[in-house]
C-alpha cells in the first residue's frame, strides 16, 4: 500500500484552511502558485503526483509541467477552473465534490429568491436606520412568491434539491437541461428560450463552460417579462452582466438575486447601487459544516486514488481513468 506521506502534492496558499492543514499533515506538500511551478527545476516538477485544487486554477500549461501528475482533487462541485479535458488526454483524473453541498446551496437559493422578491434586506435596513419609527411602515413589496412560475436552468443534483425545496411553495416548476431527467414530474423544455418564455422566475444552476457562457442574455431576459426575476447561484459568466444591468434599469425584468458574478470578487457598481437586486459574495455553500464536508471529500478522493487506484467522485471527463501505481 502506498504511504501517503511519501507522495509529493502541490497546493496553493489560499483555499479552505482546515482542508489545507489536513493535506499538509498527510502528504509531502509543496505550497506554490501555478506561476512559481514553472520556475522549479525539472526534477522537482517530476516528483509531483497530485494537486489539491483549493480554488487554484489548473490549466493545460500547468498540467504539462508535471509529467508524473496523476490526480487533481478539486474543492467544489464546479471545476471550470480546471482543464479537465486536457487532464483526460494526459491520463490525469480530476475529482470534484458533488452532493455534499446540495442542501446548503438549495437552502441559500431559496433564501436569495425570497430576499429578492420581498426586499427583506432593504426592509431590515429600514428598521435598523430607525425609519420604521420615524417614517412609518416599510412600503409594500411589489413582488411576491404568489402565483410564480419557476424555471430551473440545470436540473442536476443541486437543481433537483432546489426544486424539492420550492415544491412546498405551491409554485409551478419547469426546467431546462441538456436532456430530460428521469423520475421528475416537472415540465421539461429542450431550449432555454422556450422555458424563459413560459416562466417569470429563472434560477440558474449550470456550471461555467463554453456552451453556457452568456447563455442568459438580453433575449432570455426579455422573454422573462417585466415581472421576471433572475437568480444565479451557478457561475457568473453564464449571465451577460451588461445585458442584465440594462434589463434591470429599464424594467425589462423586475429584479435579480446574484451569488456569483462575471469577474469575482469585482461586482459592477451599477449592480451595487440598485435596489431591485440582492447580492451575495459567492456564499451559497459557505457554512462551516458544508465546507468541512467538501474538504473531507477532497482528501477522500486523494486517499482512495493512491490506496485503491480509483477516485471516489471523478468528473465525467476522467471517470474512466484508473491508477496503475496503487
C-alpha atoms as a PDB file:
ATOM      1  CA  UNK A   1       0.000   0.000   0.000  1.00  0.00           C
ATOM      2  CA  UNK A   2       1.275   3.457  -0.879  1.00  0.00           C
ATOM      3  CA  UNK A   3       2.498   5.563   2.063  1.00  0.00           C
ATOM      4  CA  UNK A   4       0.725   8.906   1.603  1.00  0.00           C
ATOM      5  CA  UNK A   5       3.464  10.953   3.260  1.00  0.00           C
ATOM      6  CA  UNK A   6       5.863   9.858   0.522  1.00  0.00           C
ATOM      7  CA  UNK A   7       3.668  11.420  -2.169  1.00  0.00           C
ATOM      8  CA  UNK A   8       4.560  14.926  -3.247  1.00  0.00           C
ATOM      9  CA  UNK A   9       1.443  17.067  -3.676  1.00  0.00           C
ATOM     10  CA  UNK A  10       1.031  20.603  -4.975  1.00  0.00           C
ATOM     11  CA  UNK A  11      -1.292  23.008  -3.155  1.00  0.00           C
ATOM     12  CA  UNK A  12      -1.754  26.767  -3.156  1.00  0.00           C
ATOM     13  CA  UNK A  13      -1.586  29.281  -0.319  1.00  0.00           C
ATOM     14  CA  UNK A  14      -5.307  30.019  -0.293  1.00  0.00           C
ATOM     15  CA  UNK A  15      -8.458  27.973  -0.034  1.00  0.00           C
ATOM     16  CA  UNK A  16     -10.078  26.140   2.831  1.00  0.00           C
ATOM     17  CA  UNK A  17      -7.673  26.324   5.787  1.00  0.00           C
ATOM     18  CA  UNK A  18      -8.889  23.171   7.560  1.00  0.00           C
ATOM     19  CA  UNK A  19      -8.536  21.089   4.411  1.00  0.00           C
ATOM     20  CA  UNK A  20      -5.134  22.531   3.578  1.00  0.00           C
ATOM     21  CA  UNK A  21      -3.863  21.770   7.102  1.00  0.00           C
ATOM     22  CA  UNK A  22      -5.008  18.141   6.853  1.00  0.00           C
ATOM     23  CA  UNK A  23      -3.416  17.771   3.435  1.00  0.00           C
ATOM     24  CA  UNK A  24      -0.113  19.128   4.752  1.00  0.00           C
ATOM     25  CA  UNK A  25      -0.202  16.557   7.547  1.00  0.00           C
ATOM     26  CA  UNK A  26      -0.971  13.638   5.218  1.00  0.00           C
ATOM     27  CA  UNK A  27       1.184  14.396   2.154  1.00  0.00           C
ATOM     28  CA  UNK A  28       4.603  15.778   1.286  1.00  0.00           C
ATOM     29  CA  UNK A  29       3.041  19.103   0.372  1.00  0.00           C
ATOM     30  CA  UNK A  30       4.553  21.773  -1.844  1.00  0.00           C
ATOM     31  CA  UNK A  31       2.879  25.157  -1.306  1.00  0.00           C
ATOM     32  CA  UNK A  32       3.285  27.096  -4.518  1.00  0.00           C
ATOM     33  CA  UNK A  33       1.410  29.208  -7.033  1.00  0.00           C
ATOM     34  CA  UNK A  34       0.978  27.939 -10.591  1.00  0.00           C
ATOM     35  CA  UNK A  35       3.318  30.700 -11.746  1.00  0.00           C
ATOM     36  CA  UNK A  36       6.090  29.502  -9.438  1.00  0.00           C
ATOM     37  CA  UNK A  37       5.808  25.901 -10.594  1.00  0.00           C
ATOM     38  CA  UNK A  38       7.245  26.930 -13.961  1.00  0.00           C
ATOM     39  CA  UNK A  39      10.376  28.189 -12.139  1.00  0.00           C
ATOM     40  CA  UNK A  40      11.021  24.824 -10.474  1.00  0.00           C
ATOM     41  CA  UNK A  41      13.731  22.501 -11.673  1.00  0.00           C
ATOM     42  CA  UNK A  42      12.512  19.704 -13.935  1.00  0.00           C
ATOM     43  CA  UNK A  43      13.355  17.015 -11.384  1.00  0.00           C
ATOM     44  CA  UNK A  44      11.299  18.850  -8.727  1.00  0.00           C
ATOM     45  CA  UNK A  45       8.295  19.048 -11.029  1.00  0.00           C
ATOM     46  CA  UNK A  46       8.666  15.380 -11.915  1.00  0.00           C
ATOM     47  CA  UNK A  47       8.167  14.397  -8.285  1.00  0.00           C
ATOM     48  CA  UNK A  48       4.696  15.969  -8.023  1.00  0.00           C
ATOM     49  CA  UNK A  49       1.978  13.305  -8.364  1.00  0.00           C
ATOM     50  CA  UNK A  50      -1.075  15.201  -7.137  1.00  0.00           C
ATOM     51  CA  UNK A  51      -2.675  18.637  -6.976  1.00  0.00           C
ATOM     52  CA  UNK A  52      -5.124  19.723  -4.297  1.00  0.00           C
ATOM     53  CA  UNK A  53      -7.005  22.457  -6.113  1.00  0.00           C
ATOM     54  CA  UNK A  54      -8.444  24.560  -3.298  1.00  0.00           C
ATOM     55  CA  UNK A  55      -9.637  27.186  -5.792  1.00  0.00           C
ATOM     56  CA  UNK A  56      -6.273  27.429  -7.611  1.00  0.00           C
ATOM     57  CA  UNK A  57      -6.587  27.306 -11.424  1.00  0.00           C
ATOM     58  CA  UNK A  58      -5.147  24.276 -13.195  1.00  0.00           C
ATOM     59  CA  UNK A  59      -4.804  24.906 -16.902  1.00  0.00           C
ATOM     60  CA  UNK A  60      -3.238  22.809 -19.655  1.00  0.00           C
ATOM     61  CA  UNK A  61       0.125  24.545 -19.229  1.00  0.00           C
ATOM     62  CA  UNK A  62       0.355  23.616 -15.552  1.00  0.00           C
ATOM     63  CA  UNK A  63      -0.665  20.025 -16.256  1.00  0.00           C
ATOM     64  CA  UNK A  64       2.014  19.778 -18.956  1.00  0.00           C
ATOM     65  CA  UNK A  65       4.663  20.972 -16.499  1.00  0.00           C
ATOM     66  CA  UNK A  66       4.053  17.941 -14.261  1.00  0.00           C
ATOM     67  CA  UNK A  67       4.941  14.782 -16.206  1.00  0.00           C
ATOM     68  CA  UNK A  68       4.046  12.371 -13.377  1.00  0.00           C
ATOM     69  CA  UNK A  69       0.828  14.046 -12.285  1.00  0.00           C
ATOM     70  CA  UNK A  70      -1.915  11.500 -11.561  1.00  0.00           C
ATOM     71  CA  UNK A  71      -4.782  13.339  -9.854  1.00  0.00           C
ATOM     72  CA  UNK A  72      -6.233  16.826  -9.430  1.00  0.00           C
ATOM     73  CA  UNK A  73      -8.583  16.829  -6.449  1.00  0.00           C
ATOM     74  CA  UNK A  74     -10.767  19.926  -6.592  1.00  0.00           C
ATOM     75  CA  UNK A  75     -12.705  21.670  -3.827  1.00  0.00           C
ATOM     76  CA  UNK A  76     -16.208  22.390  -5.138  1.00  0.00           C
ATOM     77  CA  UNK A  77     -18.827  20.881  -7.381  1.00  0.00           C
ATOM     78  CA  UNK A  78     -17.907  23.220 -10.245  1.00  0.00           C
ATOM     79  CA  UNK A  79     -14.498  22.662 -11.827  1.00  0.00           C
ATOM     80  CA  UNK A  80     -14.374  25.213 -14.641  1.00  0.00           C
ATOM     81  CA  UNK A  81     -11.036  26.418 -13.218  1.00  0.00           C
ATOM     82  CA  UNK A  82      -9.517  23.084 -14.297  1.00  0.00           C
ATOM     83  CA  UNK A  83      -8.907  21.927 -17.856  1.00  0.00           C
ATOM     84  CA  UNK A  84     -10.476  18.516 -17.303  1.00  0.00           C
ATOM     85  CA  UNK A  85     -10.446  17.599 -20.975  1.00  0.00           C
ATOM     86  CA  UNK A  86      -6.713  18.191 -21.231  1.00  0.00           C
ATOM     87  CA  UNK A  87      -6.218  16.263 -17.993  1.00  0.00           C
ATOM     88  CA  UNK A  88      -8.082  13.318 -19.521  1.00  0.00           C
ATOM     89  CA  UNK A  89      -5.769  13.379 -22.542  1.00  0.00           C
ATOM     90  CA  UNK A  90      -2.826  13.173 -20.142  1.00  0.00           C
ATOM     91  CA  UNK A  91      -4.418  10.296 -18.197  1.00  0.00           C
ATOM     92  CA  UNK A  92      -4.851  12.529 -15.137  1.00  0.00           C
ATOM     93  CA  UNK A  93      -8.027  12.034 -13.119  1.00  0.00           C
ATOM     94  CA  UNK A  94      -9.909  15.143 -11.955  1.00  0.00           C
ATOM     95  CA  UNK A  95     -12.235  14.928  -8.966  1.00  0.00           C
ATOM     96  CA  UNK A  96     -14.774  17.340  -7.502  1.00  0.00           C
ATOM     97  CA  UNK A  97     -17.149  17.433  -4.521  1.00  0.00           C
ATOM     98  CA  UNK A  98     -20.744  16.879  -5.654  1.00  0.00           C
ATOM     99  CA  UNK A  99     -23.688  16.022  -3.391  1.00  0.00           C
ATOM    100  CA  UNK A 100     -22.186  17.218  -0.083  1.00  0.00           C
ATOM    101  CA  UNK A 101     -23.154  20.836  -0.814  1.00  0.00           C
ATOM    102  CA  UNK A 102     -26.535  20.262  -2.476  1.00  0.00           C
ATOM    103  CA  UNK A 103     -28.664  21.043   0.574  1.00  0.00           C
ATOM    104  CA  UNK A 104     -26.715  24.150   1.569  1.00  0.00           C
ATOM    105  CA  UNK A 105     -26.800  25.638  -1.911  1.00  0.00           C
ATOM    106  CA  UNK A 106     -30.506  24.841  -2.277  1.00  0.00           C
ATOM    107  CA  UNK A 107     -31.309  26.490   1.062  1.00  0.00           C
ATOM    108  CA  UNK A 108     -29.325  29.581   0.102  1.00  0.00           C
ATOM    109  CA  UNK A 109     -31.007  29.725  -3.300  1.00  0.00           C
ATOM    110  CA  UNK A 110     -34.482  29.755  -1.778  1.00  0.00           C
ATOM    111  CA  UNK A 111     -33.373  32.368   0.739  1.00  0.00           C
ATOM    112  CA  UNK A 112     -31.901  34.519  -2.014  1.00  0.00           C
ATOM    113  CA  UNK A 113     -35.088  34.255  -4.050  1.00  0.00           C
ATOM    114  CA  UNK A 114     -37.247  35.239  -1.065  1.00  0.00           C
ATOM    115  CA  UNK A 115     -34.919  38.093  -0.195  1.00  0.00           C
ATOM    116  CA  UNK A 116     -35.100  39.340  -3.778  1.00  0.00           C
ATOM    117  CA  UNK A 117     -38.858  39.291  -4.262  1.00  0.00           C
ATOM    118  CA  UNK A 118     -39.765  40.507  -0.769  1.00  0.00           C
ATOM    119  CA  UNK A 119     -36.936  43.076  -0.362  1.00  0.00           C
ATOM    120  CA  UNK A 120     -36.101  41.633   3.076  1.00  0.00           C
ATOM    121  CA  UNK A 121     -32.616  43.137   3.190  1.00  0.00           C
ATOM    122  CA  UNK A 122     -33.948  46.606   2.463  1.00  0.00           C
ATOM    123  CA  UNK A 123     -36.746  46.167   4.984  1.00  0.00           C
ATOM    124  CA  UNK A 124     -34.217  45.210   7.655  1.00  0.00           C
ATOM    125  CA  UNK A 125     -32.072  48.227   6.798  1.00  0.00           C
ATOM    126  CA  UNK A 126     -35.188  50.400   7.092  1.00  0.00           C
ATOM    127  CA  UNK A 127     -35.692  49.124  10.633  1.00  0.00           C
ATOM    128  CA  UNK A 128     -32.020  49.430  11.607  1.00  0.00           C
ATOM    129  CA  UNK A 129     -31.988  53.045  10.443  1.00  0.00           C
ATOM    130  CA  UNK A 130     -34.942  53.738  12.752  1.00  0.00           C
ATOM    131  CA  UNK A 131     -37.093  54.695   9.799  1.00  0.00           C
ATOM    132  CA  UNK A 132     -39.966  52.431  10.887  1.00  0.00           C
ATOM    133  CA  UNK A 133     -40.436  54.592  13.982  1.00  0.00           C
ATOM    134  CA  UNK A 134     -39.762  57.903  12.284  1.00  0.00           C
ATOM    135  CA  UNK A 135     -41.432  57.347   8.887  1.00  0.00           C
ATOM    136  CA  UNK A 136     -43.962  54.568   9.419  1.00  0.00           C
ATOM    137  CA  UNK A 137     -44.349  51.171   7.813  1.00  0.00           C
ATOM    138  CA  UNK A 138     -41.958  49.927   5.129  1.00  0.00           C
ATOM    139  CA  UNK A 139     -43.591  50.157   1.671  1.00  0.00           C
ATOM    140  CA  UNK A 140     -45.365  47.063   0.403  1.00  0.00           C
ATOM    141  CA  UNK A 141     -43.116  44.901  -1.780  1.00  0.00           C
ATOM    142  CA  UNK A 142     -44.173  44.975  -5.407  1.00  0.00           C
ATOM    143  CA  UNK A 143     -43.191  41.321  -5.890  1.00  0.00           C
ATOM    144  CA  UNK A 144     -44.216  38.103  -4.169  1.00  0.00           C
ATOM    145  CA  UNK A 145     -43.818  34.339  -4.449  1.00  0.00           C
ATOM    146  CA  UNK A 146     -47.543  34.046  -5.100  1.00  0.00           C
ATOM    147  CA  UNK A 147     -48.504  32.580  -8.493  1.00  0.00           C
ATOM    148  CA  UNK A 148     -44.936  32.396  -9.731  1.00  0.00           C
ATOM    149  CA  UNK A 149     -43.784  30.026 -12.440  1.00  0.00           C
ATOM    150  CA  UNK A 150     -40.198  28.988 -11.856  1.00  0.00           C
ATOM    151  CA  UNK A 151     -37.751  27.684 -14.432  1.00  0.00           C
ATOM    152  CA  UNK A 152     -34.598  25.920 -13.279  1.00  0.00           C
ATOM    153  CA  UNK A 153     -31.678  26.073 -15.697  1.00  0.00           C
ATOM    154  CA  UNK A 154     -29.759  22.881 -14.924  1.00  0.00           C
ATOM    155  CA  UNK A 155     -31.631  20.097 -13.127  1.00  0.00           C
ATOM    156  CA  UNK A 156     -28.632  18.245 -11.756  1.00  0.00           C
ATOM    157  CA  UNK A 157     -28.231  17.285  -8.103  1.00  0.00           C
ATOM    158  CA  UNK A 158     -28.412  20.875  -6.859  1.00  0.00           C
ATOM    159  CA  UNK A 159     -31.208  21.795  -9.272  1.00  0.00           C
ATOM    160  CA  UNK A 160     -33.323  18.865  -8.106  1.00  0.00           C
ATOM    161  CA  UNK A 161     -32.744  19.799  -4.466  1.00  0.00           C
ATOM    162  CA  UNK A 162     -33.801  23.382  -5.178  1.00  0.00           C
ATOM    163  CA  UNK A 163     -36.916  22.092  -6.930  1.00  0.00           C
ATOM    164  CA  UNK A 164     -37.712  19.925  -3.910  1.00  0.00           C
ATOM    165  CA  UNK A 165     -37.480  22.956  -1.620  1.00  0.00           C
ATOM    166  CA  UNK A 166     -39.614  25.099  -3.913  1.00  0.00           C
ATOM    167  CA  UNK A 167     -42.283  22.431  -4.293  1.00  0.00           C
ATOM    168  CA  UNK A 168     -43.520  23.438  -0.864  1.00  0.00           C
ATOM    169  CA  UNK A 169     -44.271  26.956  -2.099  1.00  0.00           C
ATOM    170  CA  UNK A 170     -47.118  25.853  -4.354  1.00  0.00           C
ATOM    171  CA  UNK A 171     -45.430  27.229  -7.474  1.00  0.00           C
ATOM    172  CA  UNK A 172     -45.196  25.727 -10.959  1.00  0.00           C
ATOM    173  CA  UNK A 173     -41.709  24.337 -11.678  1.00  0.00           C
ATOM    174  CA  UNK A 174     -40.226  23.878 -15.139  1.00  0.00           C
ATOM    175  CA  UNK A 175     -36.669  23.032 -16.164  1.00  0.00           C
ATOM    176  CA  UNK A 176     -34.180  23.066 -18.995  1.00  0.00           C
ATOM    177  CA  UNK A 177     -31.194  20.709 -19.107  1.00  0.00           C
ATOM    178  CA  UNK A 178     -29.310  19.103 -21.957  1.00  0.00           C
ATOM    179  CA  UNK A 179     -31.590  16.083 -21.612  1.00  0.00           C
ATOM    180  CA  UNK A 180     -34.823  15.241 -19.758  1.00  0.00           C
ATOM    181  CA  UNK A 181     -34.309  13.939 -16.223  1.00  0.00           C
ATOM    182  CA  UNK A 182     -35.897  10.608 -15.359  1.00  0.00           C
ATOM    183  CA  UNK A 183     -38.206  10.384 -12.394  1.00  0.00           C
ATOM    184  CA  UNK A 184     -39.287  14.021 -12.101  1.00  0.00           C
ATOM    185  CA  UNK A 185     -42.729  15.488 -12.732  1.00  0.00           C
ATOM    186  CA  UNK A 186     -41.595  18.978 -13.742  1.00  0.00           C
ATOM    187  CA  UNK A 187     -42.142  20.271 -17.263  1.00  0.00           C
ATOM    188  CA  UNK A 188     -39.078  19.863 -19.490  1.00  0.00           C
ATOM    189  CA  UNK A 189     -38.057  22.344 -22.214  1.00  0.00           C
ATOM    190  CA  UNK A 190     -35.477  21.435 -24.813  1.00  0.00           C
ATOM    191  CA  UNK A 191     -34.299  25.039 -25.135  1.00  0.00           C
ATOM    192  CA  UNK A 192     -33.642  27.826 -22.666  1.00  0.00           C
ATOM    193  CA  UNK A 193     -35.563  30.239 -24.880  1.00  0.00           C
ATOM    194  CA  UNK A 194     -38.731  28.134 -24.734  1.00  0.00           C
ATOM    195  CA  UNK A 195     -38.520  27.847 -20.973  1.00  0.00           C
ATOM    196  CA  UNK A 196     -37.811  31.555 -20.447  1.00  0.00           C
ATOM    197  CA  UNK A 197     -40.939  32.394 -22.406  1.00  0.00           C
ATOM    198  CA  UNK A 198     -43.012  30.078 -20.195  1.00  0.00           C
ATOM    199  CA  UNK A 199     -41.753  31.274 -16.775  1.00  0.00           C
ATOM    200  CA  UNK A 200     -41.360  34.508 -14.834  1.00  0.00           C
ATOM    201  CA  UNK A 201     -38.603  33.331 -12.498  1.00  0.00           C
ATOM    202  CA  UNK A 202     -35.329  31.856 -13.770  1.00  0.00           C
ATOM    203  CA  UNK A 203     -32.882  30.092 -11.442  1.00  0.00           C
ATOM    204  CA  UNK A 204     -29.502  29.292 -12.979  1.00  0.00           C
ATOM    205  CA  UNK A 205     -27.507  26.412 -11.502  1.00  0.00           C
ATOM    206  CA  UNK A 206     -25.391  25.412 -14.513  1.00  0.00           C
ATOM    207  CA  UNK A 207     -21.573  25.340 -14.495  1.00  0.00           C
ATOM    208  CA  UNK A 208     -19.481  27.811 -16.428  1.00  0.00           C
ATOM    209  CA  UNK A 209     -18.489  26.283 -19.767  1.00  0.00           C
ATOM    210  CA  UNK A 210     -18.049  27.470 -23.317  1.00  0.00           C
ATOM    211  CA  UNK A 211     -21.579  26.242 -24.031  1.00  0.00           C
ATOM    212  CA  UNK A 212     -23.154  28.167 -21.139  1.00  0.00           C
ATOM    213  CA  UNK A 213     -21.159  31.412 -21.473  1.00  0.00           C
ATOM    214  CA  UNK A 214     -23.686  34.286 -21.635  1.00  0.00           C
ATOM    215  CA  UNK A 215     -26.480  31.764 -22.178  1.00  0.00           C
ATOM    216  CA  UNK A 216     -28.662  34.160 -20.200  1.00  0.00           C
ATOM    217  CA  UNK A 217     -28.544  37.168 -22.487  1.00  0.00           C
ATOM    218  CA  UNK A 218     -30.722  40.146 -23.395  1.00  0.00           C
ATOM    219  CA  UNK A 219     -33.147  37.957 -25.318  1.00  0.00           C
ATOM    220  CA  UNK A 220     -33.648  35.496 -22.447  1.00  0.00           C
ATOM    221  CA  UNK A 221     -34.206  38.362 -20.015  1.00  0.00           C
ATOM    222  CA  UNK A 222     -36.748  39.941 -22.345  1.00  0.00           C
ATOM    223  CA  UNK A 223     -38.631  36.634 -22.534  1.00  0.00           C
ATOM    224  CA  UNK A 224     -38.949  36.557 -18.742  1.00  0.00           C
ATOM    225  CA  UNK A 225     -41.021  39.723 -18.892  1.00  0.00           C
ATOM    226  CA  UNK A 226     -41.472  42.763 -16.690  1.00  0.00           C
ATOM    227  CA  UNK A 227     -42.409  40.625 -13.673  1.00  0.00           C
ATOM    228  CA  UNK A 228     -39.335  38.496 -14.240  1.00  0.00           C
ATOM    229  CA  UNK A 229     -36.813  37.567 -11.584  1.00  0.00           C
ATOM    230  CA  UNK A 230     -33.377  36.059 -12.216  1.00  0.00           C
ATOM    231  CA  UNK A 231     -31.459  34.135  -9.543  1.00  0.00           C
ATOM    232  CA  UNK A 232     -27.928  32.910 -10.297  1.00  0.00           C
ATOM    233  CA  UNK A 233     -26.130  30.518  -7.944  1.00  0.00           C
ATOM    234  CA  UNK A 234     -24.189  28.632 -10.645  1.00  0.00           C
ATOM    235  CA  UNK A 235     -21.406  30.587 -12.323  1.00  0.00           C
ATOM    236  CA  UNK A 236     -21.212  34.302 -13.060  1.00  0.00           C
ATOM    237  CA  UNK A 237     -20.232  34.133 -16.757  1.00  0.00           C
ATOM    238  CA  UNK A 238     -23.457  32.250 -17.554  1.00  0.00           C
ATOM    239  CA  UNK A 239     -25.170  35.665 -17.347  1.00  0.00           C
ATOM    240  CA  UNK A 240     -24.336  38.555 -19.662  1.00  0.00           C
ATOM    241  CA  UNK A 241     -23.829  41.076 -16.870  1.00  0.00           C
ATOM    242  CA  UNK A 242     -24.090  44.154 -19.085  1.00  0.00           C
ATOM    243  CA  UNK A 243     -27.366  42.909 -20.531  1.00  0.00           C
ATOM    244  CA  UNK A 244     -28.642  42.160 -17.020  1.00  0.00           C
ATOM    245  CA  UNK A 245     -27.809  45.655 -15.774  1.00  0.00           C
ATOM    246  CA  UNK A 246     -29.621  47.189 -18.749  1.00  0.00           C
ATOM    247  CA  UNK A 247     -32.653  44.935 -18.202  1.00  0.00           C
ATOM    248  CA  UNK A 248     -32.850  45.853 -14.524  1.00  0.00           C
ATOM    249  CA  UNK A 249     -32.515  49.554 -15.268  1.00  0.00           C
ATOM    250  CA  UNK A 250     -35.168  49.778 -17.954  1.00  0.00           C
ATOM    251  CA  UNK A 251     -37.692  47.405 -16.372  1.00  0.00           C
ATOM    252  CA  UNK A 252     -37.262  44.557 -18.847  1.00  0.00           C
ATOM    253  CA  UNK A 253     -37.203  42.364 -15.738  1.00  0.00           C
ATOM    254  CA  UNK A 254     -38.191  43.265 -12.205  1.00  0.00           C
ATOM    255  CA  UNK A 255     -35.336  42.005 -10.039  1.00  0.00           C
ATOM    256  CA  UNK A 256     -32.321  39.722  -9.664  1.00  0.00           C
ATOM    257  CA  UNK A 257     -30.651  37.761  -6.887  1.00  0.00           C
ATOM    258  CA  UNK A 258     -26.975  37.003  -7.521  1.00  0.00           C
ATOM    259  CA  UNK A 259     -24.460  34.919  -5.592  1.00  0.00           C
ATOM    260  CA  UNK A 260     -21.960  34.768  -8.465  1.00  0.00           C
ATOM    261  CA  UNK A 261     -20.507  37.323 -10.878  1.00  0.00           C
ATOM    262  CA  UNK A 262     -18.505  37.517 -14.092  1.00  0.00           C
ATOM    263  CA  UNK A 263     -15.254  38.787 -12.569  1.00  0.00           C
ATOM    264  CA  UNK A 264     -15.315  37.846  -8.900  1.00  0.00           C
ATOM    265  CA  UNK A 265     -14.686  39.447  -6.500  1.00  0.00           C
ATOM    266  CA  UNK A 266     -15.347  42.517  -8.640  1.00  0.00           C
ATOM    267  CA  UNK A 267     -19.035  43.455  -8.712  1.00  0.00           C
ATOM    268  CA  UNK A 268     -20.182  46.272 -11.020  1.00  0.00           C
ATOM    269  CA  UNK A 269     -21.017  49.492  -9.230  1.00  0.00           C
ATOM    270  CA  UNK A 270     -24.293  49.633 -11.137  1.00  0.00           C
ATOM    271  CA  UNK A 271     -25.468  46.397  -9.505  1.00  0.00           C
ATOM    272  CA  UNK A 272     -24.352  47.509  -6.042  1.00  0.00           C
ATOM    273  CA  UNK A 273     -26.379  50.694  -6.347  1.00  0.00           C
ATOM    274  CA  UNK A 274     -29.631  49.048  -7.449  1.00  0.00           C
ATOM    275  CA  UNK A 275     -32.429  48.385  -5.000  1.00  0.00           C
ATOM    276  CA  UNK A 276     -34.027  45.702  -7.156  1.00  0.00           C
ATOM    277  CA  UNK A 277     -31.099  43.297  -6.743  1.00  0.00           C
ATOM    278  CA  UNK A 278     -29.993  41.109  -3.857  1.00  0.00           C
ATOM    279  CA  UNK A 279     -26.249  40.432  -3.832  1.00  0.00           C
ATOM    280  CA  UNK A 280     -24.203  37.774  -2.009  1.00  0.00           C
ATOM    281  CA  UNK A 281     -20.407  37.241  -2.181  1.00  0.00           C
ATOM    282  CA  UNK A 282     -20.455  33.650  -3.532  1.00  0.00           C
ATOM    283  CA  UNK A 283     -21.549  32.092  -0.244  1.00  0.00           C
ATOM    284  CA  UNK A 284     -24.150  29.535  -1.358  1.00  0.00           C
ATOM    285  CA  UNK A 285     -22.199  26.638   0.167  1.00  0.00           C
ATOM    286  CA  UNK A 286     -20.308  28.707   2.720  1.00  0.00           C
ATOM    287  CA  UNK A 287     -21.201  27.148   6.050  1.00  0.00           C
ATOM    288  CA  UNK A 288     -18.544  25.518   8.191  1.00  0.00           C
ATOM    289  CA  UNK A 289     -20.306  22.143   8.126  1.00  0.00           C
ATOM    290  CA  UNK A 290     -20.643  22.062   4.354  1.00  0.00           C
ATOM    291  CA  UNK A 291     -17.171  23.365   3.586  1.00  0.00           C
ATOM    292  CA  UNK A 292     -15.680  20.826   6.008  1.00  0.00           C
ATOM    293  CA  UNK A 293     -17.604  18.060   4.223  1.00  0.00           C
ATOM    294  CA  UNK A 294     -16.322  19.321   0.861  1.00  0.00           C
ATOM    295  CA  UNK A 295     -12.767  19.344   2.192  1.00  0.00           C
ATOM    296  CA  UNK A 296     -13.142  15.828   3.549  1.00  0.00           C
ATOM    297  CA  UNK A 297     -14.188  14.627   0.092  1.00  0.00           C
ATOM    298  CA  UNK A 298     -11.157  16.311  -1.484  1.00  0.00           C
ATOM    299  CA  UNK A 299      -8.970  14.263   0.862  1.00  0.00           C
ATOM    300  CA  UNK A 300     -11.040  11.081   0.453  1.00  0.00           C
ATOM    301  CA  UNK A 301     -10.508  11.292  -3.297  1.00  0.00           C
ATOM    302  CA  UNK A 302      -6.745  11.631  -2.899  1.00  0.00           C
ATOM    303  CA  UNK A 303      -6.573   8.815  -0.377  1.00  0.00           C
ATOM    304  CA  UNK A 304      -8.776   6.490  -2.440  1.00  0.00           C
ATOM    305  CA  UNK A 305      -6.737   7.155  -5.568  1.00  0.00           C
ATOM    306  CA  UNK A 306      -3.390   6.308  -4.016  1.00  0.00           C
ATOM    307  CA  UNK A 307      -4.662   3.365  -1.942  1.00  0.00           C
ATOM    308  CA  UNK A 308      -7.200   1.729  -4.262  1.00  0.00           C
ATOM    309  CA  UNK A 309      -6.380   3.122  -7.698  1.00  0.00           C
ATOM    310  CA  UNK A 310      -9.817   4.659  -8.197  1.00  0.00           C
ATOM    311  CA  UNK A 311     -11.174   8.080  -7.188  1.00  0.00           C
ATOM    312  CA  UNK A 312     -14.494   8.404  -5.355  1.00  0.00           C
ATOM    313  CA  UNK A 313     -16.038  11.281  -7.321  1.00  0.00           C
ATOM    314  CA  UNK A 314     -14.236  11.778 -10.638  1.00  0.00           C
ATOM    315  CA  UNK A 315     -15.547  14.250 -13.177  1.00  0.00           C
ATOM    316  CA  UNK A 316     -17.321  12.759 -16.209  1.00  0.00           C
ATOM    317  CA  UNK A 317     -14.362  13.579 -18.461  1.00  0.00           C
ATOM    318  CA  UNK A 318     -11.988  11.445 -16.366  1.00  0.00           C
ATOM    319  CA  UNK A 319     -14.265   8.808 -14.803  1.00  0.00           C
ATOM    320  CA  UNK A 320     -12.664   6.060 -16.917  1.00  0.00           C
ATOM    321  CA  UNK A 321      -9.161   6.648 -15.586  1.00  0.00           C
ATOM    322  CA  UNK A 322      -7.691   4.262 -13.017  1.00  0.00           C
ATOM    323  CA  UNK A 323      -4.288   4.294 -11.371  1.00  0.00           C
ATOM    324  CA  UNK A 324      -1.608   1.800 -12.327  1.00  0.00           C
ATOM    325  CA  UNK A 325       0.551   2.662  -9.300  1.00  0.00           C
ATOM    326  CA  UNK A 326      -1.739   1.886  -6.363  1.00  0.00           C
END
